[in-house]
Amino acid sequence: ITLTALPSTIPALHEAITTKMAADPAFAKQVEAATTRVVDLKLRRGLANCA
């Protein structure tokens, strides 16, 4: 999960992360675990829903 104050940087951030994930299975696994953790926490705290 990334954080930026400049929305214009989102495409470059996304490209860099997905490229590294494709090239590095260990990094991909780490990103997936972190993303799952954040989404799970948001769901449990009522900050997101799956509707």
PDB file of N, CA and C in Angstrom:
ATOM      1  N   ILE A   1       0.865  -1.163   0.000  1.00  0.00           N
ATOM      2  CA  ILE A   1       0.000   0.000   0.000  1.00  0.00           C
ATOM      3  C   ILE A   1       0.910   1.224   0.000  1.00  0.00           C
ATOM      4  N   THR A   2       0.584   2.133  -0.850  1.00  0.00           N
ATOM      5  CA  THR A   2       1.395   3.345  -0.941  1.00  0.00           C
ATOM      6  C   THR A   2       0.569   4.557  -0.551  1.00  0.00           C
ATOM      7  N   LEU A   3       1.259   5.599  -0.203  1.00  0.00           N
ATOM      8  CA  LEU A   3       0.616   6.857   0.156  1.00  0.00           C
ATOM      9  C   LEU A   3       1.309   7.969  -0.611  1.00  0.00           C
ATOM     10  N   THR A   4       0.513   8.808  -1.222  1.00  0.00           N
ATOM     11  CA  THR A   4       1.069   9.946  -1.945  1.00  0.00           C
ATOM     12  C   THR A   4       0.144  11.143  -1.794  1.00  0.00           C
ATOM     13  N   ALA A   5       0.705  12.312  -1.764  1.00  0.00           N
ATOM     14  CA  ALA A   5      -0.088  13.540  -1.717  1.00  0.00           C
ATOM     15  C   ALA A   5      -0.334  14.076  -3.121  1.00  0.00           C
ATOM     16  N   LEU A   6       0.310  13.473  -4.096  1.00  0.00           N
ATOM     17  CA  LEU A   6       0.190  13.930  -5.479  1.00  0.00           C
ATOM     18  C   LEU A   6      -0.487  12.856  -6.329  1.00  0.00           C
ATOM     19  N   PRO A   7      -1.780  12.980  -6.590  1.00  0.00           N
ATOM     20  CA  PRO A   7      -2.480  11.969  -7.383  1.00  0.00           C
ATOM     21  C   PRO A   7      -1.823  11.681  -8.732  1.00  0.00           C
ATOM     22  N   SER A   8      -1.129  12.646  -9.282  1.00  0.00           N
ATOM     23  CA  SER A   8      -0.489  12.437 -10.586  1.00  0.00           C
ATOM     24  C   SER A   8       0.614  11.384 -10.541  1.00  0.00           C
ATOM     25  N   THR A   9       1.110  11.046  -9.351  1.00  0.00           N
ATOM     26  CA  THR A   9       2.171  10.038  -9.235  1.00  0.00           C
ATOM     27  C   THR A   9       1.632   8.613  -9.128  1.00  0.00           C
ATOM     28  N   ILE A  10       0.312   8.469  -8.992  1.00  0.00           N
ATOM     29  CA  ILE A  10      -0.269   7.136  -8.802  1.00  0.00           C
ATOM     30  C   ILE A  10       0.055   6.186  -9.955  1.00  0.00           C
ATOM     31  N   PRO A  11      -0.098   6.569 -11.218  1.00  0.00           N
ATOM     32  CA  PRO A  11       0.229   5.618 -12.294  1.00  0.00           C
ATOM     33  C   PRO A  11       1.672   5.103 -12.234  1.00  0.00           C
ATOM     34  N   ALA A  12       2.620   5.976 -11.954  1.00  0.00           N
ATOM     35  CA  ALA A  12       4.023   5.546 -11.879  1.00  0.00           C
ATOM     36  C   ALA A  12       4.251   4.628 -10.686  1.00  0.00           C
ATOM     37  N   LEU A  13       3.638   4.938  -9.553  1.00  0.00           N
ATOM     38  CA  LEU A  13       3.765   4.073  -8.374  1.00  0.00           C
ATOM     39  C   LEU A  13       3.179   2.694  -8.663  1.00  0.00           C
ATOM     40  N   HIS A  14       1.998   2.679  -9.266  1.00  0.00           N
ATOM     41  CA  HIS A  14       1.346   1.406  -9.590  1.00  0.00           C
ATOM     42  C   HIS A  14       2.208   0.581 -10.539  1.00  0.00           C
ATOM     43  N   GLU A  15       2.720   1.215 -11.564  1.00  0.00           N
ATOM     44  CA  GLU A  15       3.570   0.520 -12.542  1.00  0.00           C
ATOM     45  C   GLU A  15       4.822  -0.051 -11.882  1.00  0.00           C
ATOM     46  N   ALA A  16       5.470   0.731 -11.040  1.00  0.00           N
ATOM     47  CA  ALA A  16       6.694   0.268 -10.374  1.00  0.00           C
ATOM     48  C   ALA A  16       6.413  -0.926  -9.471  1.00  0.00           C
ATOM     49  N   ILE A  17       5.329  -0.853  -8.721  1.00  0.00           N
ATOM     50  CA  ILE A  17       5.006  -1.941  -7.790  1.00  0.00           C
ATOM     51  C   ILE A  17       4.618  -3.204  -8.543  1.00  0.00           C
ATOM     52  N   THR A  18       3.742  -3.083  -9.545  1.00  0.00           N
ATOM     53  CA  THR A  18       3.325  -4.283 -10.266  1.00  0.00           C
ATOM     54  C   THR A  18       4.471  -4.899 -11.061  1.00  0.00           C
ATOM     55  N   THR A  19       5.369  -4.078 -11.573  1.00  0.00           N
ATOM     56  CA  THR A  19       6.538  -4.600 -12.285  1.00  0.00           C
ATOM     57  C   THR A  19       7.432  -5.390 -11.334  1.00  0.00           C
ATOM     58  N   LYS A  20       7.688  -4.837 -10.154  1.00  0.00           N
ATOM     59  CA  LYS A  20       8.525  -5.540  -9.179  1.00  0.00           C
ATOM     60  C   LYS A  20       7.840  -6.820  -8.703  1.00  0.00           C
ATOM     61  N   MET A  21       6.515  -6.760  -8.506  1.00  0.00           N
ATOM     62  CA  MET A  21       5.790  -7.962  -8.090  1.00  0.00           C
ATOM     63  C   MET A  21       5.933  -9.075  -9.124  1.00  0.00           C
ATOM     64  N   ALA A  22       5.861  -8.716 -10.395  1.00  0.00           N
ATOM     65  CA  ALA A  22       5.979  -9.713 -11.462  1.00  0.00           C
ATOM     66  C   ALA A  22       7.372 -10.328 -11.513  1.00  0.00           C
ATOM     67  N   ALA A  23       8.379  -9.549 -11.148  1.00  0.00           N
ATOM     68  CA  ALA A  23       9.765 -10.019 -11.217  1.00  0.00           C
ATOM     69  C   ALA A  23      10.257 -10.677  -9.939  1.00  0.00           C
ATOM     70  N   ASP A  24       9.570 -10.452  -8.830  1.00  0.00           N
ATOM     71  CA  ASP A  24      10.067 -10.895  -7.523  1.00  0.00           C
ATOM     72  C   ASP A  24       8.938 -11.531  -6.716  1.00  0.00           C
ATOM     73  N   PRO A  25       8.806 -12.869  -6.778  1.00  0.00           N
ATOM     74  CA  PRO A  25       7.724 -13.548  -6.076  1.00  0.00           C
ATOM     75  C   PRO A  25       7.691 -13.272  -4.566  1.00  0.00           C
ATOM     76  N   ALA A  26       8.841 -13.119  -3.943  1.00  0.00           N
ATOM     77  CA  ALA A  26       8.867 -12.837  -2.503  1.00  0.00           C
ATOM     78  C   ALA A  26       8.275 -11.456  -2.221  1.00  0.00           C
ATOM     79  N   PHE A  27       8.598 -10.482  -3.058  1.00  0.00           N
ATOM     80  CA  PHE A  27       8.031  -9.141  -2.911  1.00  0.00           C
ATOM     81  C   PHE A  27       6.525  -9.191  -3.146  1.00  0.00           C
ATOM     82  N   ALA A  28       6.099  -9.926  -4.157  1.00  0.00           N
ATOM     83  CA  ALA A  28       4.670 -10.052  -4.448  1.00  0.00           C
ATOM     84  C   ALA A  28       3.927 -10.643  -3.256  1.00  0.00           C
ATOM     85  N   LYS A  29       4.504 -11.653  -2.650  1.00  0.00           N
ATOM     86  CA  LYS A  29       3.877 -12.276  -1.481  1.00  0.00           C
ATOM     87  C   LYS A  29       3.772 -11.274  -0.328  1.00  0.00           C
ATOM     88  N   GLN A  30       4.802 -10.479  -0.132  1.00  0.00           N
ATOM     89  CA  GLN A  30       4.804  -9.469   0.930  1.00  0.00           C
ATOM     90  C   GLN A  30       3.728  -8.407   0.667  1.00  0.00           C
ATOM     91  N   VAL A  31       3.613  -7.957  -0.570  1.00  0.00           N
ATOM     92  CA  VAL A  31       2.602  -6.954  -0.921  1.00  0.00           C
ATOM     93  C   VAL A  31       1.205  -7.522  -0.698  1.00  0.00           C
ATOM     94  N   GLU A  32       0.977  -8.748  -1.132  1.00  0.00           N
ATOM     95  CA  GLU A  32      -0.334  -9.372  -0.965  1.00  0.00           C
ATOM     96  C   GLU A  32      -0.683  -9.540   0.509  1.00  0.00           C
ATOM     97  N   ALA A  33       0.273  -9.941   1.331  1.00  0.00           N
ATOM     98  CA  ALA A  33       0.026 -10.100   2.767  1.00  0.00           C
ATOM     99  C   ALA A  33      -0.288  -8.758   3.420  1.00  0.00           C
ATOM    100  N   ALA A  34       0.455  -7.729   3.066  1.00  0.00           N
ATOM    101  CA  ALA A  34       0.225  -6.404   3.643  1.00  0.00           C
ATOM    102  C   ALA A  34      -1.134  -5.862   3.217  1.00  0.00           C
ATOM    103  N   THR A  35      -1.474  -6.046   1.958  1.00  0.00           N
ATOM    104  CA  THR A  35      -2.761  -5.570   1.460  1.00  0.00           C
ATOM    105  C   THR A  35      -3.910  -6.287   2.152  1.00  0.00           C
ATOM    106  N   THR A  36      -3.792  -7.591   2.294  1.00  0.00           N
ATOM    107  CA  THR A  36      -4.821  -8.368   2.981  1.00  0.00           C
ATOM    108  C   THR A  36      -4.985  -7.895   4.416  1.00  0.00           C
ATOM    109  N   ARG A  37      -3.892  -7.639   5.091  1.00  0.00           N
ATOM    110  CA  ARG A  37      -3.934  -7.175   6.477  1.00  0.00           C
ATOM    111  C   ARG A  37      -4.655  -5.836   6.589  1.00  0.00           C
ATOM    112  N   VAL A  38      -4.323  -4.895   5.719  1.00  0.00           N
ATOM    113  CA  VAL A  38      -4.943  -3.564   5.775  1.00  0.00           C
ATOM    114  C   VAL A  38      -6.440  -3.648   5.477  1.00  0.00           C
ATOM    115  N   VAL A  39      -6.817  -4.385   4.452  1.00  0.00           N
ATOM    116  CA  VAL A  39      -8.234  -4.510   4.115  1.00  0.00           C
ATOM    117  C   VAL A  39      -8.987  -5.190   5.253  1.00  0.00           C
ATOM    118  N   ASP A  40      -8.419  -6.236   5.823  1.00  0.00           N
ATOM    119  CA  ASP A  40      -9.051  -6.928   6.947  1.00  0.00           C
ATOM    120  C   ASP A  40      -9.263  -5.978   8.129  1.00  0.00           C
ATOM    121  N   LEU A  41      -8.247  -5.203   8.470  1.00  0.00           N
ATOM    122  CA  LEU A  41      -8.376  -4.245   9.573  1.00  0.00           C
ATOM    123  C   LEU A  41      -9.460  -3.208   9.282  1.00  0.00           C
ATOM    124  N   LYS A  42      -9.520  -2.713   8.063  1.00  0.00           N
ATOM    125  CA  LYS A  42     -10.546  -1.729   7.707  1.00  0.00           C
ATOM    126  C   LYS A  42     -11.937  -2.337   7.809  1.00  0.00           C
ATOM    127  N   LEU A  43     -12.095  -3.562   7.348  1.00  0.00           N
ATOM    128  CA  LEU A  43     -13.389  -4.228   7.442  1.00  0.00           C
ATOM    129  C   LEU A  43     -13.805  -4.419   8.898  1.00  0.00           C
ATOM    130  N   ARG A  44     -12.886  -4.887   9.726  1.00  0.00           N
ATOM    131  CA  ARG A  44     -13.210  -5.128  11.135  1.00  0.00           C
ATOM    132  C   ARG A  44     -13.532  -3.850  11.895  1.00  0.00           C
ATOM    133  N   ARG A  45     -13.005  -2.738  11.456  1.00  0.00           N
ATOM    134  CA  ARG A  45     -13.251  -1.459  12.141  1.00  0.00           C
ATOM    135  C   ARG A  45     -14.368  -0.649  11.478  1.00  0.00           C
ATOM    136  N   GLY A  46     -15.025  -1.250  10.505  1.00  0.00           N
ATOM    137  CA  GLY A  46     -16.134  -0.580   9.846  1.00  0.00           C
ATOM    138  C   GLY A  46     -15.729   0.557   8.922  1.00  0.00           C
ATOM    139  N   LEU A  47     -14.488   0.557   8.475  1.00  0.00           N
ATOM    140  CA  LEU A  47     -13.999   1.618   7.595  1.00  0.00           C
ATOM    141  C   LEU A  47     -14.145   1.275   6.117  1.00  0.00           C
ATOM    142  N   ALA A  48     -14.614   0.067   5.839  1.00  0.00           N
ATOM    143  CA  ALA A  48     -14.838  -0.383   4.468  1.00  0.00           C
ATOM    144  C   ALA A  48     -15.917  -1.453   4.514  1.00  0.00           C
ATOM    145  N   ASN A  49     -16.520  -1.733   3.364  1.00  0.00           N
ATOM    146  CA  ASN A  49     -17.476  -2.835   3.306  1.00  0.00           C
ATOM    147  C   ASN A  49     -17.337  -3.536   1.967  1.00  0.00           C
ATOM    148  N   CYS A  50     -17.918  -4.691   1.877  1.00  0.00           N
ATOM    149  CA  CYS A  50     -17.820  -5.496   0.653  1.00  0.00           C
ATOM    150  C   CYS A  50     -19.149  -5.519  -0.091  1.00  0.00           C
ATOM    151  N   ALA A  51     -19.922  -4.473   0.054  1.00  0.00           N
ATOM    152  CA  ALA A  51     -21.252  -4.422  -0.568  1.00  0.00           C
ATOM    153  C   ALA A  51     -21.182  -4.263  -2.061  1.00  0.00           C
TER     154      ALA A  51
END
